[in-house]
């Protein structure tokens, strides 16, 4: 088996692997948006709505380390 043949096989299998990973990631994003874990449409608007008085995207509570700083 020559190096050219080995490079051809490696290229083919790497392409297949990357296509499978891409489809898995697309399905993961679709499922997480359907479950309501994240809203990627809102996150995509960050670049368009970049004003200082814009409402925050994530309205969850501050991180625990930020809570400690606020309580001092």
PDB file of N, CA and C in Angstrom:
ATOM      1  N   UNK A   1       0.851  -1.176   0.000  1.00  0.00           N
ATOM      2  CA  UNK A   1       0.000   0.000   0.000  1.00  0.00           C
ATOM      3  C   UNK A   1       0.896   1.238   0.000  1.00  0.00           C
ATOM      4  N   UNK A   2       0.727   2.040  -0.993  1.00  0.00           N
ATOM      5  CA  UNK A   2       1.538   3.246  -1.109  1.00  0.00           C
ATOM      6  C   UNK A   2       0.943   4.387  -0.291  1.00  0.00           C
ATOM      7  N   UNK A   3       1.726   5.427  -0.134  1.00  0.00           N
ATOM      8  CA  UNK A   3       1.299   6.573   0.674  1.00  0.00           C
ATOM      9  C   UNK A   3       0.121   7.302   0.035  1.00  0.00           C
ATOM     10  N   UNK A   4       0.069   7.348  -1.288  1.00  0.00           N
ATOM     11  CA  UNK A   4      -1.040   8.034  -1.981  1.00  0.00           C
ATOM     12  C   UNK A   4      -2.363   7.319  -1.725  1.00  0.00           C
ATOM     13  N   UNK A   5      -2.318   5.999  -1.727  1.00  0.00           N
ATOM     14  CA  UNK A   5      -3.523   5.222  -1.476  1.00  0.00           C
ATOM     15  C   UNK A   5      -3.972   5.408  -0.020  1.00  0.00           C
ATOM     16  N   UNK A   6      -3.038   5.409   0.893  1.00  0.00           N
ATOM     17  CA  UNK A   6      -3.334   5.628   2.311  1.00  0.00           C
ATOM     18  C   UNK A   6      -3.918   7.026   2.534  1.00  0.00           C
ATOM     19  N   UNK A   7      -3.369   8.036   1.861  1.00  0.00           N
ATOM     20  CA  UNK A   7      -3.901   9.396   1.969  1.00  0.00           C
ATOM     21  C   UNK A   7      -5.325   9.475   1.418  1.00  0.00           C
ATOM     22  N   UNK A   8      -5.604   8.735   0.359  1.00  0.00           N
ATOM     23  CA  UNK A   8      -6.947   8.713  -0.213  1.00  0.00           C
ATOM     24  C   UNK A   8      -7.961   8.126   0.754  1.00  0.00           C
ATOM     25  N   UNK A   9      -7.613   6.996   1.384  1.00  0.00           N
ATOM     26  CA  UNK A   9      -8.500   6.382   2.370  1.00  0.00           C
ATOM     27  C   UNK A   9      -8.705   7.296   3.573  1.00  0.00           C
ATOM     28  N   UNK A  10      -7.625   7.881   4.048  1.00  0.00           N
ATOM     29  CA  UNK A  10      -7.724   8.771   5.207  1.00  0.00           C
ATOM     30  C   UNK A  10      -8.599   9.981   4.884  1.00  0.00           C
ATOM     31  N   UNK A  11      -8.456  10.537   3.719  1.00  0.00           N
ATOM     32  CA  UNK A  11      -9.267  11.685   3.307  1.00  0.00           C
ATOM     33  C   UNK A  11     -10.744  11.309   3.221  1.00  0.00           C
ATOM     34  N   UNK A  12     -11.022  10.140   2.647  1.00  0.00           N
ATOM     35  CA  UNK A  12     -12.409   9.684   2.515  1.00  0.00           C
ATOM     36  C   UNK A  12     -13.052   9.487   3.885  1.00  0.00           C
ATOM     37  N   UNK A  13     -12.378   8.778   4.786  1.00  0.00           N
ATOM     38  CA  UNK A  13     -12.948   8.510   6.096  1.00  0.00           C
ATOM     39  C   UNK A  13     -13.043   9.778   6.951  1.00  0.00           C
ATOM     40  N   UNK A  14     -12.121  10.687   6.805  1.00  0.00           N
ATOM     41  CA  UNK A  14     -12.197  11.949   7.538  1.00  0.00           C
ATOM     42  C   UNK A  14     -13.380  12.780   7.053  1.00  0.00           C
ATOM     43  N   UNK A  15     -13.629  12.775   5.768  1.00  0.00           N
ATOM     44  CA  UNK A  15     -14.776  13.492   5.225  1.00  0.00           C
ATOM     45  C   UNK A  15     -16.080  12.911   5.755  1.00  0.00           C
ATOM     46  N   UNK A  16     -16.186  11.588   5.754  1.00  0.00           N
ATOM     47  CA  UNK A  16     -17.385  10.926   6.280  1.00  0.00           C
ATOM     48  C   UNK A  16     -17.564  11.255   7.761  1.00  0.00           C
ATOM     49  N   UNK A  17     -16.484  11.203   8.517  1.00  0.00           N
ATOM     50  CA  UNK A  17     -16.547  11.508   9.947  1.00  0.00           C
ATOM     51  C   UNK A  17     -17.019  12.943  10.188  1.00  0.00           C
ATOM     52  N   UNK A  18     -16.484  13.893   9.444  1.00  0.00           N
ATOM     53  CA  UNK A  18     -16.859  15.295   9.632  1.00  0.00           C
ATOM     54  C   UNK A  18     -18.310  15.553   9.221  1.00  0.00           C
ATOM     55  N   UNK A  19     -18.790  14.874   8.190  1.00  0.00           N
ATOM     56  CA  UNK A  19     -20.197  15.017   7.786  1.00  0.00           C
ATOM     57  C   UNK A  19     -21.118  14.487   8.873  1.00  0.00           C
ATOM     58  N   UNK A  20     -20.776  13.342   9.444  1.00  0.00           N
ATOM     59  CA  UNK A  20     -21.582  12.774  10.533  1.00  0.00           C
ATOM     60  C   UNK A  20     -21.590  13.710  11.737  1.00  0.00           C
ATOM     61  N   UNK A  21     -20.437  14.278  12.080  1.00  0.00           N
ATOM     62  CA  UNK A  21     -20.375  15.214  13.216  1.00  0.00           C
ATOM     63  C   UNK A  21     -21.200  16.473  12.950  1.00  0.00           C
ATOM     64  N   UNK A  22     -21.183  16.965  11.723  1.00  0.00           N
ATOM     65  CA  UNK A  22     -21.968  18.146  11.370  1.00  0.00           C
ATOM     66  C   UNK A  22     -23.459  17.870  11.528  1.00  0.00           C
ATOM     67  N   UNK A  23     -23.925  16.735  11.008  1.00  0.00           N
ATOM     68  CA  UNK A  23     -25.345  16.401  11.144  1.00  0.00           C
ATOM     69  C   UNK A  23     -25.729  16.169  12.590  1.00  0.00           C
ATOM     70  N   UNK A  24     -24.841  15.557  13.385  1.00  0.00           N
ATOM     71  CA  UNK A  24     -25.124  15.354  14.800  1.00  0.00           C
ATOM     72  C   UNK A  24     -25.268  16.700  15.513  1.00  0.00           C
ATOM     73  N   UNK A  25     -24.418  17.655  15.191  1.00  0.00           N
ATOM     74  CA  UNK A  25     -24.479  18.975  15.814  1.00  0.00           C
ATOM     75  C   UNK A  25     -25.753  19.716  15.413  1.00  0.00           C
ATOM     76  N   UNK A  26     -26.162  19.599  14.157  1.00  0.00           N
ATOM     77  CA  UNK A  26     -27.398  20.241  13.708  1.00  0.00           C
ATOM     78  C   UNK A  26     -28.588  19.652  14.445  1.00  0.00           C
ATOM     79  N   UNK A  27     -28.635  18.336  14.606  1.00  0.00           N
ATOM     80  CA  UNK A  27     -29.732  17.685  15.336  1.00  0.00           C
ATOM     81  C   UNK A  27     -29.707  18.105  16.797  1.00  0.00           C
ATOM     82  N   UNK A  28     -28.519  18.206  17.392  1.00  0.00           N
ATOM     83  CA  UNK A  28     -28.398  18.645  18.781  1.00  0.00           C
ATOM     84  C   UNK A  28     -28.959  20.059  18.959  1.00  0.00           C
ATOM     85  N   UNK A  29     -28.601  20.980  18.067  1.00  0.00           N
ATOM     86  CA  UNK A  29     -29.117  22.345  18.155  1.00  0.00           C
ATOM     87  C   UNK A  29     -30.625  22.377  17.989  1.00  0.00           C
ATOM     88  N   UNK A  30     -31.149  21.610  17.052  1.00  0.00           N
ATOM     89  CA  UNK A  30     -32.593  21.569  16.809  1.00  0.00           C
ATOM     90  C   UNK A  30     -33.333  21.023  18.028  1.00  0.00           C
ATOM     91  N   UNK A  31     -32.824  19.946  18.602  1.00  0.00           N
ATOM     92  CA  UNK A  31     -33.494  19.351  19.772  1.00  0.00           C
ATOM     93  C   UNK A  31     -33.442  20.279  20.982  1.00  0.00           C
ATOM     94  N   UNK A  32     -32.318  20.917  21.221  1.00  0.00           N
ATOM     95  CA  UNK A  32     -32.214  21.787  22.397  1.00  0.00           C
ATOM     96  C   UNK A  32     -33.113  23.013  22.237  1.00  0.00           C
ATOM     97  N   UNK A  33     -33.307  23.483  21.015  1.00  0.00           N
ATOM     98  CA  UNK A  33     -34.219  24.604  20.812  1.00  0.00           C
ATOM     99  C   UNK A  33     -35.671  24.157  20.983  1.00  0.00           C
ATOM    100  N   UNK A  34     -35.999  22.947  20.540  1.00  0.00           N
ATOM    101  CA  UNK A  34     -37.357  22.419  20.702  1.00  0.00           C
ATOM    102  C   UNK A  34     -37.694  22.184  22.169  1.00  0.00           C
ATOM    103  N   UNK A  35     -36.710  21.748  22.962  1.00  0.00           N
ATOM    104  CA  UNK A  35     -36.930  21.504  24.388  1.00  0.00           C
ATOM    105  C   UNK A  35     -37.058  22.801  25.166  1.00  0.00           C
ATOM    106  N   UNK A  36     -36.613  23.908  24.581  1.00  0.00           N
ATOM    107  CA  UNK A  36     -36.681  25.189  25.265  1.00  0.00           C
ATOM    108  C   UNK A  36     -35.460  25.496  26.098  1.00  0.00           C
ATOM    109  N   UNK A  37     -34.390  24.737  25.927  1.00  0.00           N
ATOM    110  CA  UNK A  37     -33.182  24.991  26.699  1.00  0.00           C
ATOM    111  C   UNK A  37     -32.514  26.287  26.278  1.00  0.00           C
ATOM    112  N   UNK A  38     -32.466  26.543  24.988  1.00  0.00           N
ATOM    113  CA  UNK A  38     -31.867  27.771  24.464  1.00  0.00           C
ATOM    114  C   UNK A  38     -32.691  28.248  23.289  1.00  0.00           C
ATOM    115  N   UNK A  39     -32.718  29.566  23.116  1.00  0.00           N
ATOM    116  CA  UNK A  39     -33.389  30.148  21.961  1.00  0.00           C
ATOM    117  C   UNK A  39     -32.317  30.766  21.079  1.00  0.00           C
ATOM    118  N   UNK A  40     -31.911  30.019  20.067  1.00  0.00           N
ATOM    119  CA  UNK A  40     -30.807  30.458  19.221  1.00  0.00           C
ATOM    120  C   UNK A  40     -31.192  31.627  18.338  1.00  0.00           C
ATOM    121  N   UNK A  41     -32.487  31.841  18.143  1.00  0.00           N
ATOM    122  CA  UNK A  41     -32.917  32.993  17.362  1.00  0.00           C
ATOM    123  C   UNK A  41     -32.622  34.285  18.134  1.00  0.00           C
ATOM    124  N   UNK A  42     -32.861  34.275  19.437  1.00  0.00           N
ATOM    125  CA  UNK A  42     -32.527  35.442  20.266  1.00  0.00           C
ATOM    126  C   UNK A  42     -31.023  35.672  20.307  1.00  0.00           C
ATOM    127  N   UNK A  43     -30.278  34.585  20.453  1.00  0.00           N
ATOM    128  CA  UNK A  43     -28.823  34.719  20.513  1.00  0.00           C
ATOM    129  C   UNK A  43     -28.259  35.212  19.189  1.00  0.00           C
ATOM    130  N   UNK A  44     -28.917  34.902  18.094  1.00  0.00           N
ATOM    131  CA  UNK A  44     -28.462  35.369  16.795  1.00  0.00           C
ATOM    132  C   UNK A  44     -28.680  36.853  16.588  1.00  0.00           C
ATOM    133  N   UNK A  45     -29.575  37.454  17.362  1.00  0.00           N
ATOM    134  CA  UNK A  45     -29.866  38.879  17.228  1.00  0.00           C
ATOM    135  C   UNK A  45     -28.927  39.752  18.059  1.00  0.00           C
ATOM    136  N   UNK A  46     -27.972  39.160  18.748  1.00  0.00           N
ATOM    137  CA  UNK A  46     -27.055  39.942  19.580  1.00  0.00           C
ATOM    138  C   UNK A  46     -26.300  40.966  18.739  1.00  0.00           C
ATOM    139  N   UNK A  47     -25.836  40.558  17.579  1.00  0.00           N
ATOM    140  CA  UNK A  47     -25.054  41.473  16.741  1.00  0.00           C
ATOM    141  C   UNK A  47     -25.931  42.580  16.151  1.00  0.00           C
ATOM    142  N   UNK A  48     -27.205  42.298  15.920  1.00  0.00           N
ATOM    143  CA  UNK A  48     -28.089  43.297  15.322  1.00  0.00           C
ATOM    144  C   UNK A  48     -28.597  44.305  16.344  1.00  0.00           C
ATOM    145  N   UNK A  49     -28.838  43.848  17.566  1.00  0.00           N
ATOM    146  CA  UNK A  49     -29.383  44.706  18.610  1.00  0.00           C
ATOM    147  C   UNK A  49     -28.296  44.947  19.647  1.00  0.00           C
ATOM    148  N   UNK A  50     -27.394  45.849  19.356  1.00  0.00           N
ATOM    149  CA  UNK A  50     -26.226  46.070  20.199  1.00  0.00           C
ATOM    150  C   UNK A  50     -26.242  47.486  20.774  1.00  0.00           C
ATOM    151  N   UNK A  51     -27.321  47.847  21.401  1.00  0.00           N
ATOM    152  CA  UNK A  51     -27.443  49.156  22.035  1.00  0.00           C
ATOM    153  C   UNK A  51     -27.175  49.029  23.529  1.00  0.00           C
ATOM    154  N   UNK A  52     -26.785  50.105  24.153  1.00  0.00           N
ATOM    155  CA  UNK A  52     -26.473  50.083  25.578  1.00  0.00           C
ATOM    156  C   UNK A  52     -27.735  49.881  26.422  1.00  0.00           C
ATOM    157  N   UNK A  53     -28.880  50.329  25.933  1.00  0.00           N
ATOM    158  CA  UNK A  53     -30.122  50.194  26.693  1.00  0.00           C
ATOM    159  C   UNK A  53     -30.962  48.994  26.250  1.00  0.00           C
ATOM    160  N   UNK A  54     -30.385  48.063  25.516  1.00  0.00           N
ATOM    161  CA  UNK A  54     -31.084  46.852  25.086  1.00  0.00           C
ATOM    162  C   UNK A  54     -31.316  45.941  26.290  1.00  0.00           C
ATOM    163  N   UNK A  55     -32.434  45.238  26.313  1.00  0.00           N
ATOM    164  CA  UNK A  55     -32.648  44.287  27.412  1.00  0.00           C
ATOM    165  C   UNK A  55     -31.688  43.106  27.286  1.00  0.00           C
ATOM    166  N   UNK A  56     -31.281  42.521  28.400  1.00  0.00           N
ATOM    167  CA  UNK A  56     -30.353  41.387  28.331  1.00  0.00           C
ATOM    168  C   UNK A  56     -31.017  40.173  27.683  1.00  0.00           C
ATOM    169  N   UNK A  57     -30.226  39.364  27.024  1.00  0.00           N
ATOM    170  CA  UNK A  57     -30.728  38.155  26.374  1.00  0.00           C
ATOM    171  C   UNK A  57     -31.080  37.110  27.420  1.00  0.00           C
ATOM    172  N   UNK A  58     -30.174  36.886  28.366  1.00  0.00           N
ATOM    173  CA  UNK A  58     -30.377  35.884  29.397  1.00  0.00           C
ATOM    174  C   UNK A  58     -30.820  36.593  30.663  1.00  0.00           C
ATOM    175  N   UNK A  59     -32.036  36.340  31.107  1.00  0.00           N
ATOM    176  CA  UNK A  59     -32.570  37.034  32.278  1.00  0.00           C
ATOM    177  C   UNK A  59     -32.487  36.170  33.534  1.00  0.00           C
ATOM    178  N   UNK A  60     -31.612  35.179  33.553  1.00  0.00           N
ATOM    179  CA  UNK A  60     -31.477  34.323  34.720  1.00  0.00           C
ATOM    180  C   UNK A  60     -30.773  35.072  35.849  1.00  0.00           C
ATOM    181  N   UNK A  61     -30.743  34.452  37.008  1.00  0.00           N
ATOM    182  CA  UNK A  61     -30.097  35.059  38.175  1.00  0.00           C
ATOM    183  C   UNK A  61     -28.597  35.183  37.932  1.00  0.00           C
ATOM    184  N   UNK A  62     -27.942  36.123  38.638  1.00  0.00           N
ATOM    185  CA  UNK A  62     -26.486  36.239  38.489  1.00  0.00           C
ATOM    186  C   UNK A  62     -25.782  34.993  39.007  1.00  0.00           C
ATOM    187  N   UNK A  63     -24.543  34.844  38.621  1.00  0.00           N
ATOM    188  CA  UNK A  63     -23.755  33.699  39.060  1.00  0.00           C
ATOM    189  C   UNK A  63     -23.523  33.758  40.568  1.00  0.00           C
ATOM    190  N   UNK A  64     -23.285  32.623  41.213  1.00  0.00           N
ATOM    191  CA  UNK A  64     -23.067  32.625  42.666  1.00  0.00           C
ATOM    192  C   UNK A  64     -21.916  33.523  43.094  1.00  0.00           C
ATOM    193  N   UNK A  65     -20.862  33.628  42.305  1.00  0.00           N
ATOM    194  CA  UNK A  65     -19.744  34.489  42.673  1.00  0.00           C
ATOM    195  C   UNK A  65     -20.173  35.961  42.648  1.00  0.00           C
ATOM    196  N   UNK A  66     -21.091  36.301  41.724  1.00  0.00           N
ATOM    197  CA  UNK A  66     -21.597  37.674  41.678  1.00  0.00           C
ATOM    198  C   UNK A  66     -22.519  37.946  42.862  1.00  0.00           C
ATOM    199  N   UNK A  67     -23.245  36.933  43.325  1.00  0.00           N
ATOM    200  CA  UNK A  67     -24.097  37.102  44.506  1.00  0.00           C
ATOM    201  C   UNK A  67     -23.266  37.421  45.740  1.00  0.00           C
ATOM    202  N   UNK A  68     -22.122  36.761  45.883  1.00  0.00           N
ATOM    203  CA  UNK A  68     -21.262  37.001  47.056  1.00  0.00           C
ATOM    204  C   UNK A  68     -20.744  38.440  47.038  1.00  0.00           C
ATOM    205  N   UNK A  69     -20.389  38.929  45.861  1.00  0.00           N
ATOM    206  CA  UNK A  69     -19.870  40.291  45.759  1.00  0.00           C
ATOM    207  C   UNK A  69     -20.968  41.311  46.057  1.00  0.00           C
ATOM    208  N   UNK A  70     -22.209  41.017  45.676  1.00  0.00           N
ATOM    209  CA  UNK A  70     -23.303  41.950  45.912  1.00  0.00           C
ATOM    210  C   UNK A  70     -23.719  41.981  47.372  1.00  0.00           C
ATOM    211  N   UNK A  71     -23.545  40.847  48.089  1.00  0.00           N
ATOM    212  CA  UNK A  71     -23.947  40.775  49.496  1.00  0.00           C
ATOM    213  C   UNK A  71     -22.947  41.442  50.417  1.00  0.00           C
ATOM    214  N   UNK A  72     -21.742  41.736  49.985  1.00  0.00           N
ATOM    215  CA  UNK A  72     -20.725  42.353  50.838  1.00  0.00           C
ATOM    216  C   UNK A  72     -21.007  43.797  51.100  1.00  0.00           C
TER     217      UNK A  72
END
